[in-house]
Amino acid sequence: MSRPRDLQLFRPYADELPWDLLAAAGADEDALAAVMDLDLARVAKLEGRIVGAYGIRPLSSTCYELVALAIADGYRHRGFGRWLLGHAIGLAESRGGREIVFRGQRSAGFLRRFGFEPAGDDLRLELIPE
């Protein structure tokens, strides 16, 4: 059985981003297009096959939005989502991010387990600098 560390994460080629997978996760198409322009999307591959993806975008110099995070059917409940979320947080931090927001409540249960808290209609994670 594959583990999260078996995933390989890449910046996607323009024709490689799994739009259908991300849209199924509730991502806004315009927001995804902005992520691609900013090179802040990643795809997760397992044995050469895309099994997950995420995208973030800056809302300000210190605030990023988690636009989408998705794992393909058949690969869920293996820790891959947690691995991708950690990578997304790290990418935001490496670019100066101090908070991450997620619009809506679609993945609220999952995100709350990792410290995201309700902020109006959204979820918010405050990043603590080292």
C-alpha atoms as a PDB file:
ATOM      1  CA  MET A   1       0.000   0.000   0.000  1.00  0.00           C
ATOM      2  CA  SER A   2       1.266   3.442  -0.903  1.00  0.00           C
ATOM      3  CA  ARG A   3       2.128   6.002   1.743  1.00  0.00           C
ATOM      4  CA  PRO A   4       2.018   9.797   1.549  1.00  0.00           C
ATOM      5  CA  ARG A   5       5.799   9.944   1.223  1.00  0.00           C
ATOM      6  CA  ASP A   6       5.500   7.879  -1.962  1.00  0.00           C
ATOM      7  CA  LEU A   7       3.796  10.848  -3.645  1.00  0.00           C
ATOM      8  CA  GLN A   8       5.809  13.033  -5.946  1.00  0.00           C
ATOM      9  CA  LEU A   9       4.760  16.699  -6.083  1.00  0.00           C
ATOM     10  CA  PHE A  10       5.277  18.795  -9.187  1.00  0.00           C
ATOM     11  CA  ARG A  11       4.339  22.142 -10.643  1.00  0.00           C
ATOM     12  CA  PRO A  12       1.847  21.088 -13.298  1.00  0.00           C
ATOM     13  CA  TYR A  13       2.292  21.663 -16.991  1.00  0.00           C
ATOM     14  CA  ALA A  14      -0.498  23.821 -18.451  1.00  0.00           C
ATOM     15  CA  ASP A  15      -2.298  20.771 -19.826  1.00  0.00           C
ATOM     16  CA  GLU A  16      -1.686  18.647 -16.738  1.00  0.00           C
ATOM     17  CA  LEU A  17      -3.754  20.319 -14.027  1.00  0.00           C
ATOM     18  CA  PRO A  18      -6.713  18.014 -13.277  1.00  0.00           C
ATOM     19  CA  TRP A  19      -9.446  20.638 -13.706  1.00  0.00           C
ATOM     20  CA  ASP A  20     -12.215  18.074 -13.290  1.00  0.00           C
ATOM     21  CA  LEU A  21     -10.791  16.784 -10.009  1.00  0.00           C
ATOM     22  CA  LEU A  22     -10.344  20.302  -8.607  1.00  0.00           C
ATOM     23  CA  ALA A  23     -13.776  21.428  -9.809  1.00  0.00           C
ATOM     24  CA  ALA A  24     -15.314  18.393  -8.108  1.00  0.00           C
ATOM     25  CA  ALA A  25     -13.674  19.621  -4.904  1.00  0.00           C
ATOM     26  CA  GLY A  26     -15.601  22.869  -5.296  1.00  0.00           C
ATOM     27  CA  ALA A  27     -12.869  25.106  -6.712  1.00  0.00           C
ATOM     28  CA  ASP A  28     -13.877  28.234  -8.578  1.00  0.00           C
ATOM     29  CA  GLU A  29     -12.666  28.073 -12.200  1.00  0.00           C
ATOM     30  CA  ASP A  30     -11.526  31.730 -12.260  1.00  0.00           C
ATOM     31  CA  ALA A  31      -9.600  31.252  -9.022  1.00  0.00           C
ATOM     32  CA  LEU A  32      -7.938  28.153 -10.467  1.00  0.00           C
ATOM     33  CA  ALA A  33      -6.937  30.080 -13.585  1.00  0.00           C
ATOM     34  CA  ALA A  34      -5.305  32.721 -11.362  1.00  0.00           C
ATOM     35  CA  VAL A  35      -3.426  30.014  -9.482  1.00  0.00           C
ATOM     36  CA  MET A  36      -2.029  28.645 -12.732  1.00  0.00           C
ATOM     37  CA  ASP A  37      -0.893  32.126 -13.769  1.00  0.00           C
ATOM     38  CA  LEU A  38       0.910  32.512 -10.455  1.00  0.00           C
ATOM     39  CA  ASP A  39       2.499  29.066 -10.521  1.00  0.00           C
ATOM     40  CA  LEU A  40       1.044  28.166  -7.133  1.00  0.00           C
ATOM     41  CA  ALA A  41      -0.549  24.853  -8.047  1.00  0.00           C
ATOM     42  CA  ARG A  42       0.898  21.402  -7.456  1.00  0.00           C
ATOM     43  CA  VAL A  43      -0.055  17.952  -8.664  1.00  0.00           C
ATOM     44  CA  ALA A  44       0.641  14.789  -6.704  1.00  0.00           C
ATOM     45  CA  LYS A  45       1.668  11.757  -8.698  1.00  0.00           C
ATOM     46  CA  LEU A  46       1.892   8.148  -7.678  1.00  0.00           C
ATOM     47  CA  GLU A  47       3.633   5.859 -10.136  1.00  0.00           C
ATOM     48  CA  GLY A  48       3.238   8.527 -12.827  1.00  0.00           C
ATOM     49  CA  ARG A  49      -0.508   8.937 -12.309  1.00  0.00           C
ATOM     50  CA  ILE A  50      -2.038  12.175 -10.947  1.00  0.00           C
ATOM     51  CA  VAL A  51      -3.861  11.292  -7.731  1.00  0.00           C
ATOM     52  CA  GLY A  52      -4.262  14.738  -6.183  1.00  0.00           C
ATOM     53  CA  ALA A  53      -3.716  18.445  -6.580  1.00  0.00           C
ATOM     54  CA  TYR A  54      -3.960  21.756  -4.792  1.00  0.00           C
ATOM     55  CA  GLY A  55      -3.811  25.427  -5.602  1.00  0.00           C
ATOM     56  CA  ILE A  56      -3.246  28.541  -3.500  1.00  0.00           C
ATOM     57  CA  ARG A  57      -3.298  32.219  -4.392  1.00  0.00           C
ATOM     58  CA  PRO A  58      -2.242  35.381  -2.585  1.00  0.00           C
ATOM     59  CA  LEU A  59      -4.952  37.667  -1.259  1.00  0.00           C
ATOM     60  CA  SER A  60      -2.318  40.015   0.189  1.00  0.00           C
ATOM     61  CA  SER A  61       1.389  39.840   0.911  1.00  0.00           C
ATOM     62  CA  THR A  62       0.751  37.778   4.056  1.00  0.00           C
ATOM     63  CA  CYS A  63      -2.591  36.088   3.377  1.00  0.00           C
ATOM     64  CA  TYR A  64      -3.129  33.179   0.981  1.00  0.00           C
ATOM     65  CA  GLU A  65      -6.276  31.406  -0.078  1.00  0.00           C
ATOM     66  CA  LEU A  66      -6.392  27.641  -0.370  1.00  0.00           C
ATOM     67  CA  VAL A  67      -8.361  27.589  -3.620  1.00  0.00           C
ATOM     68  CA  ALA A  68      -8.622  23.819  -3.889  1.00  0.00           C
ATOM     69  CA  LEU A  69      -7.266  20.595  -2.506  1.00  0.00           C
ATOM     70  CA  ALA A  70      -8.442  17.342  -4.018  1.00  0.00           C
ATOM     71  CA  ILE A  71      -7.601  13.650  -3.915  1.00  0.00           C
ATOM     72  CA  ALA A  72      -8.914  11.272  -6.570  1.00  0.00           C
ATOM     73  CA  ASP A  73     -11.437   8.597  -5.654  1.00  0.00           C
ATOM     74  CA  GLY A  74      -9.655   5.411  -4.717  1.00  0.00           C
ATOM     75  CA  TYR A  75      -6.758   7.306  -3.121  1.00  0.00           C
ATOM     76  CA  ARG A  76      -8.597   8.929  -0.242  1.00  0.00           C
ATOM     77  CA  HIS A  77      -8.139   7.992   3.420  1.00  0.00           C
ATOM     78  CA  ARG A  78      -4.442   7.224   2.970  1.00  0.00           C
ATOM     79  CA  GLY A  79      -3.065  10.469   4.383  1.00  0.00           C
ATOM     80  CA  PHE A  80      -2.523  12.033   0.953  1.00  0.00           C
ATOM     81  CA  GLY A  81      -4.813  15.000   1.704  1.00  0.00           C
ATOM     82  CA  ARG A  82      -2.924  15.724   4.921  1.00  0.00           C
ATOM     83  CA  TRP A  83       0.361  15.539   3.010  1.00  0.00           C
ATOM     84  CA  LEU A  84      -0.848  17.934   0.305  1.00  0.00           C
ATOM     85  CA  LEU A  85      -2.279  20.350   2.869  1.00  0.00           C
ATOM     86  CA  GLY A  86       1.060  20.433   4.672  1.00  0.00           C
ATOM     87  CA  HIS A  87       2.813  21.134   1.392  1.00  0.00           C
ATOM     88  CA  ALA A  88       0.353  23.934   0.544  1.00  0.00           C
ATOM     89  CA  ILE A  89       0.907  25.515   3.958  1.00  0.00           C
ATOM     90  CA  GLY A  90       4.663  25.284   3.472  1.00  0.00           C
ATOM     91  CA  LEU A  91       4.440  26.898   0.044  1.00  0.00           C
ATOM     92  CA  ALA A  92       2.382  29.791   1.429  1.00  0.00           C
ATOM     93  CA  GLU A  93       4.846  30.237   4.311  1.00  0.00           C
ATOM     94  CA  SER A  94       7.831  30.208   1.957  1.00  0.00           C
ATOM     95  CA  ARG A  95       6.266  33.140   0.119  1.00  0.00           C
ATOM     96  CA  GLY A  96       5.653  35.178   3.285  1.00  0.00           C
ATOM     97  CA  GLY A  97       2.209  33.874   4.189  1.00  0.00           C
ATOM     98  CA  ARG A  98       1.064  34.320   7.797  1.00  0.00           C
ATOM     99  CA  GLU A  99      -2.506  33.141   7.335  1.00  0.00           C
ATOM    100  CA  ILE A 100      -4.451  30.906   4.986  1.00  0.00           C
ATOM    101  CA  VAL A 101      -8.157  31.179   4.297  1.00  0.00           C
ATOM    102  CA  PHE A 102     -10.507  28.690   2.705  1.00  0.00           C
ATOM    103  CA  ARG A 103     -13.742  30.044   1.258  1.00  0.00           C
ATOM    104  CA  GLY A 104     -16.870  28.204   2.358  1.00  0.00           C
ATOM    105  CA  GLN A 105     -17.331  25.170   4.552  1.00  0.00           C
ATOM    106  CA  ARG A 106     -17.043  22.317   2.035  1.00  0.00           C
ATOM    107  CA  SER A 107     -14.045  20.617   3.702  1.00  0.00           C
ATOM    108  CA  ALA A 108     -14.572  22.104   7.156  1.00  0.00           C
ATOM    109  CA  GLY A 109     -14.244  18.854   9.103  1.00  0.00           C
ATOM    110  CA  PHE A 110     -10.968  17.955   7.425  1.00  0.00           C
ATOM    111  CA  LEU A 111      -9.458  21.444   7.692  1.00  0.00           C
ATOM    112  CA  ARG A 112     -10.492  21.960  11.327  1.00  0.00           C
ATOM    113  CA  ARG A 113      -8.419  18.915  12.291  1.00  0.00           C
ATOM    114  CA  PHE A 114      -5.374  20.895  11.145  1.00  0.00           C
ATOM    115  CA  GLY A 115      -6.126  24.128  12.975  1.00  0.00           C
ATOM    116  CA  PHE A 116      -8.415  25.998  10.578  1.00  0.00           C
ATOM    117  CA  GLU A 117     -11.019  27.943  12.529  1.00  0.00           C
ATOM    118  CA  PRO A 118     -14.318  29.506  11.453  1.00  0.00           C
ATOM    119  CA  ALA A 119     -14.040  33.134  10.335  1.00  0.00           C
ATOM    120  CA  GLY A 120     -17.481  34.226   9.179  1.00  0.00           C
ATOM    121  CA  ASP A 121     -18.407  32.044   6.209  1.00  0.00           C
ATOM    122  CA  ASP A 122     -14.784  30.970   5.709  1.00  0.00           C
ATOM    123  CA  LEU A 123     -12.122  28.989   7.526  1.00  0.00           C
ATOM    124  CA  ARG A 124      -8.838  30.557   8.621  1.00  0.00           C
ATOM    125  CA  LEU A 125      -5.465  29.198   9.713  1.00  0.00           C
ATOM    126  CA  GLU A 126      -3.019  31.544  11.394  1.00  0.00           C
ATOM    127  CA  LEU A 127       0.594  30.620  10.718  1.00  0.00           C
ATOM    128  CA  ILE A 128       2.985  31.233  13.557  1.00  0.00           C
ATOM    129  CA  PRO A 129       6.443  32.412  12.492  1.00  0.00           C
ATOM    130  CA  GLU A 130       9.423  30.485  13.827  1.00  0.00           C
END
